[in-house]
Amino acid sequence: MGCRGTDSWSALLRVVAATDGDLPGNAPVHLRPDPRHRMPGRGAWLHPRPECLELAVRRKAFGRALRLQAAVDVSAVAQHLGVQHP
């Protein structure tokens, strides 16, 4: 998604939007890493590299891939990859 490259599904990290129930319209959606590819919901696939995460954030690709209108919080994904993200 970030680098737009293709790879086998086993080499990619699946990212899903967390559903916390009643979210206000302007609240950011929290993205969660799904390394076991088991969480329910629509997923976006990402190479587990910091460069691909940065490209995806810069291009705002998570919102498009997951069909989200709200802002996205990628801090859990960045922590999973060991990247410092504001």
N, C-alpha and C. Protein backbone atom coordinates (compact mmCIF):
# COMPACT_ATOMS: atom_id res chain seq x y z
N MET A 1 0.81 -1.18 0.00
CA MET A 1 0.00 0.00 0.00
C MET A 1 0.87 1.26 0.00
N GLY A 2 1.88 1.29 0.83
CA GLY A 2 2.73 2.47 0.89
C GLY A 2 3.61 2.61 -0.32
N CYS A 3 4.33 1.53 -0.65
CA CYS A 3 5.25 1.58 -1.79
C CYS A 3 4.57 1.12 -3.07
N ARG A 4 3.35 0.65 -2.96
CA ARG A 4 2.55 0.15 -4.08
C ARG A 4 3.16 -1.07 -4.73
N GLY A 5 4.07 -1.74 -4.04
CA GLY A 5 4.66 -2.97 -4.55
C GLY A 5 3.81 -4.17 -4.19
N THR A 6 4.00 -5.26 -4.90
CA THR A 6 3.25 -6.48 -4.61
C THR A 6 4.18 -7.50 -3.96
N ASP A 7 3.56 -8.38 -3.21
CA ASP A 7 4.29 -9.44 -2.52
C ASP A 7 3.29 -10.49 -2.10
N SER A 8 3.76 -11.62 -1.59
CA SER A 8 2.84 -12.64 -1.11
C SER A 8 2.19 -12.16 0.19
N TRP A 9 1.00 -12.66 0.48
CA TRP A 9 0.27 -12.19 1.66
C TRP A 9 1.01 -12.51 2.94
N SER A 10 1.82 -13.55 2.94
CA SER A 10 2.56 -13.92 4.15
C SER A 10 3.69 -12.95 4.46
N ALA A 11 4.13 -12.19 3.47
CA ALA A 11 5.21 -11.23 3.68
C ALA A 11 4.68 -9.84 4.04
N LEU A 12 3.35 -9.65 4.00
CA LEU A 12 2.76 -8.35 4.26
C LEU A 12 2.11 -8.29 5.63
N LEU A 13 1.98 -7.10 6.16
CA LEU A 13 1.30 -6.86 7.42
C LEU A 13 -0.09 -6.34 7.10
N ARG A 14 -1.09 -7.00 7.69
CA ARG A 14 -2.47 -6.54 7.50
C ARG A 14 -2.79 -5.52 8.58
N VAL A 15 -3.47 -4.44 8.19
CA VAL A 15 -3.86 -3.37 9.10
C VAL A 15 -5.36 -3.21 9.01
N VAL A 16 -6.04 -3.17 10.17
CA VAL A 16 -7.49 -3.00 10.20
C VAL A 16 -7.86 -1.79 11.04
N ALA A 17 -9.03 -1.23 10.79
CA ALA A 17 -9.54 -0.12 11.57
C ALA A 17 -10.25 -0.68 12.80
N ALA A 18 -9.89 -0.19 13.98
CA ALA A 18 -10.52 -0.64 15.22
C ALA A 18 -11.89 -0.02 15.34
N THR A 19 -12.86 -0.82 15.71
CA THR A 19 -14.21 -0.33 15.93
C THR A 19 -14.46 -0.28 17.42
N ASP A 20 -14.51 0.92 17.96
CA ASP A 20 -14.72 1.12 19.39
C ASP A 20 -16.17 1.41 19.72
N GLY A 21 -17.07 1.08 18.83
CA GLY A 21 -18.48 1.33 19.08
C GLY A 21 -18.90 2.70 18.61
N ASP A 22 -19.35 3.54 19.54
CA ASP A 22 -19.89 4.86 19.21
C ASP A 22 -18.76 5.88 19.10
N LEU A 23 -18.24 6.05 17.92
CA LEU A 23 -17.21 7.05 17.68
C LEU A 23 -17.85 8.32 17.15
N PRO A 24 -17.52 9.47 17.71
CA PRO A 24 -18.01 10.72 17.12
C PRO A 24 -17.45 10.90 15.72
N GLY A 25 -18.10 11.73 14.93
CA GLY A 25 -17.71 11.91 13.54
C GLY A 25 -16.31 12.43 13.33
N ASN A 26 -15.79 13.26 14.23
CA ASN A 26 -14.46 13.86 14.05
C ASN A 26 -13.36 13.12 14.79
N ALA A 27 -13.69 12.06 15.52
CA ALA A 27 -12.68 11.33 16.28
C ALA A 27 -11.81 10.52 15.32
N PRO A 28 -10.50 10.44 15.59
CA PRO A 28 -9.64 9.64 14.71
C PRO A 28 -9.94 8.15 14.87
N VAL A 29 -9.81 7.44 13.79
CA VAL A 29 -9.98 5.99 13.79
C VAL A 29 -8.63 5.38 14.11
N HIS A 30 -8.60 4.44 15.03
CA HIS A 30 -7.35 3.81 15.44
C HIS A 30 -7.11 2.57 14.58
N LEU A 31 -5.95 2.53 13.95
CA LEU A 31 -5.57 1.38 13.14
C LEU A 31 -4.80 0.40 13.99
N ARG A 32 -5.06 -0.88 13.78
CA ARG A 32 -4.41 -1.93 14.54
C ARG A 32 -3.69 -2.89 13.60
N PRO A 33 -2.47 -3.29 13.95
CA PRO A 33 -1.80 -4.31 13.13
C PRO A 33 -2.45 -5.67 13.36
N ASP A 34 -2.51 -6.45 12.32
CA ASP A 34 -3.10 -7.80 12.38
C ASP A 34 -2.10 -8.79 11.80
N PRO A 35 -1.03 -9.11 12.55
CA PRO A 35 0.01 -9.98 11.99
C PRO A 35 -0.47 -11.40 11.72
N ARG A 36 -1.54 -11.85 12.40
CA ARG A 36 -2.04 -13.21 12.17
C ARG A 36 -3.10 -13.26 11.08
N HIS A 37 -3.49 -12.10 10.54
CA HIS A 37 -4.49 -12.00 9.45
C HIS A 37 -5.82 -12.61 9.86
N ARG A 38 -6.25 -12.35 11.10
CA ARG A 38 -7.47 -12.96 11.61
C ARG A 38 -8.55 -11.96 12.05
N MET A 39 -8.22 -10.71 12.23
CA MET A 39 -9.18 -9.75 12.74
C MET A 39 -10.29 -9.50 11.72
N PRO A 40 -11.51 -9.29 12.20
CA PRO A 40 -12.61 -9.04 11.27
C PRO A 40 -12.54 -7.63 10.68
N GLY A 41 -13.16 -7.49 9.55
CA GLY A 41 -13.26 -6.17 8.92
C GLY A 41 -12.38 -6.04 7.71
N ARG A 42 -12.52 -4.90 7.08
CA ARG A 42 -11.75 -4.58 5.89
C ARG A 42 -10.30 -4.35 6.27
N GLY A 43 -9.38 -4.88 5.51
CA GLY A 43 -7.97 -4.75 5.82
C GLY A 43 -7.19 -4.07 4.70
N ALA A 44 -6.10 -3.47 5.09
CA ALA A 44 -5.16 -2.89 4.14
C ALA A 44 -3.83 -3.61 4.34
N TRP A 45 -3.11 -3.84 3.28
CA TRP A 45 -1.88 -4.62 3.34
C TRP A 45 -0.68 -3.71 3.15
N LEU A 46 0.34 -3.95 3.95
CA LEU A 46 1.49 -3.06 4.01
C LEU A 46 2.75 -3.89 4.20
N HIS A 47 3.82 -3.54 3.50
CA HIS A 47 5.11 -4.18 3.79
C HIS A 47 5.52 -3.78 5.21
N PRO A 48 6.00 -4.69 6.02
CA PRO A 48 6.37 -4.35 7.40
C PRO A 48 7.71 -3.63 7.49
N ARG A 49 7.81 -2.53 6.78
CA ARG A 49 9.02 -1.70 6.78
C ARG A 49 8.64 -0.27 7.10
N PRO A 50 9.49 0.44 7.83
CA PRO A 50 9.19 1.84 8.17
C PRO A 50 8.99 2.73 6.95
N GLU A 51 9.73 2.47 5.87
CA GLU A 51 9.60 3.29 4.67
C GLU A 51 8.21 3.19 4.07
N CYS A 52 7.66 1.99 4.05
CA CYS A 52 6.32 1.80 3.48
C CYS A 52 5.26 2.46 4.35
N LEU A 53 5.43 2.40 5.66
CA LEU A 53 4.50 3.07 6.56
C LEU A 53 4.53 4.57 6.34
N GLU A 54 5.71 5.15 6.23
CA GLU A 54 5.83 6.59 6.02
C GLU A 54 5.20 7.02 4.70
N LEU A 55 5.41 6.22 3.64
CA LEU A 55 4.79 6.54 2.35
C LEU A 55 3.27 6.46 2.42
N ALA A 56 2.75 5.46 3.12
CA ALA A 56 1.31 5.30 3.24
C ALA A 56 0.69 6.47 4.01
N VAL A 57 1.37 6.92 5.06
CA VAL A 57 0.86 8.05 5.84
C VAL A 57 0.92 9.33 5.00
N ARG A 58 2.02 9.53 4.31
CA ARG A 58 2.17 10.74 3.50
C ARG A 58 1.15 10.80 2.37
N ARG A 59 0.84 9.67 1.77
CA ARG A 59 -0.12 9.61 0.67
C ARG A 59 -1.57 9.51 1.14
N LYS A 60 -1.76 9.39 2.45
CA LYS A 60 -3.10 9.21 3.04
C LYS A 60 -3.78 7.98 2.46
N ALA A 61 -3.01 6.92 2.30
CA ALA A 61 -3.50 5.71 1.66
C ALA A 61 -4.39 4.87 2.58
N PHE A 62 -4.22 4.97 3.90
CA PHE A 62 -5.04 4.18 4.81
C PHE A 62 -6.51 4.57 4.70
N GLY A 63 -6.79 5.85 4.64
CA GLY A 63 -8.17 6.31 4.53
C GLY A 63 -8.85 5.81 3.27
N ARG A 64 -8.12 5.84 2.17
CA ARG A 64 -8.69 5.35 0.90
C ARG A 64 -8.85 3.84 0.91
N ALA A 65 -7.84 3.12 1.36
CA ALA A 65 -7.88 1.66 1.31
C ALA A 65 -8.94 1.09 2.24
N LEU A 66 -9.13 1.73 3.39
CA LEU A 66 -10.10 1.23 4.35
C LEU A 66 -11.46 1.93 4.25
N ARG A 67 -11.58 2.83 3.28
CA ARG A 67 -12.82 3.58 3.04
C ARG A 67 -13.27 4.33 4.29
N LEU A 68 -12.35 5.12 4.84
CA LEU A 68 -12.61 5.90 6.04
C LEU A 68 -12.72 7.38 5.70
N GLN A 69 -13.63 8.05 6.36
CA GLN A 69 -13.79 9.48 6.18
C GLN A 69 -13.07 10.26 7.28
N ALA A 70 -12.86 9.64 8.43
CA ALA A 70 -12.25 10.32 9.57
C ALA A 70 -10.73 10.24 9.49
N ALA A 71 -10.08 11.00 10.34
CA ALA A 71 -8.61 10.94 10.44
C ALA A 71 -8.21 9.58 11.03
N VAL A 72 -7.01 9.13 10.67
CA VAL A 72 -6.55 7.83 11.16
C VAL A 72 -5.36 8.01 12.10
N ASP A 73 -5.32 7.19 13.13
CA ASP A 73 -4.24 7.18 14.10
C ASP A 73 -3.42 5.92 13.85
N VAL A 74 -2.20 6.07 13.37
CA VAL A 74 -1.36 4.93 13.01
C VAL A 74 -0.33 4.60 14.09
N SER A 75 -0.50 5.12 15.29
CA SER A 75 0.52 4.94 16.33
C SER A 75 0.70 3.47 16.71
N ALA A 76 -0.36 2.66 16.73
CA ALA A 76 -0.23 1.25 17.08
C ALA A 76 0.55 0.49 16.00
N VAL A 77 0.34 0.85 14.75
CA VAL A 77 1.07 0.21 13.65
C VAL A 77 2.54 0.62 13.71
N ALA A 78 2.79 1.90 13.97
CA ALA A 78 4.18 2.37 14.08
C ALA A 78 4.89 1.70 15.24
N GLN A 79 4.20 1.53 16.35
CA GLN A 79 4.81 0.85 17.50
C GLN A 79 5.10 -0.61 17.17
N HIS A 80 4.21 -1.26 16.43
CA HIS A 80 4.41 -2.65 16.03
C HIS A 80 5.66 -2.79 15.15
N LEU A 81 5.90 -1.78 14.31
CA LEU A 81 7.06 -1.81 13.42
C LEU A 81 8.31 -1.24 14.08
N GLY A 82 8.17 -0.70 15.29
CA GLY A 82 9.31 -0.13 15.98
C GLY A 82 9.73 1.23 15.46
N VAL A 83 8.76 2.03 15.02
CA VAL A 83 9.02 3.33 14.44
C VAL A 83 8.47 4.39 15.36
N GLN A 84 9.20 5.49 15.52
CA GLN A 84 8.69 6.64 16.26
C GLN A 84 7.79 7.44 15.35
N HIS A 85 6.53 7.63 15.76
CA HIS A 85 5.59 8.39 14.96
C HIS A 85 4.85 9.36 15.87
N PRO A 86 4.79 10.63 15.49
CA PRO A 86 4.12 11.61 16.36
C PRO A 86 2.63 11.39 16.49
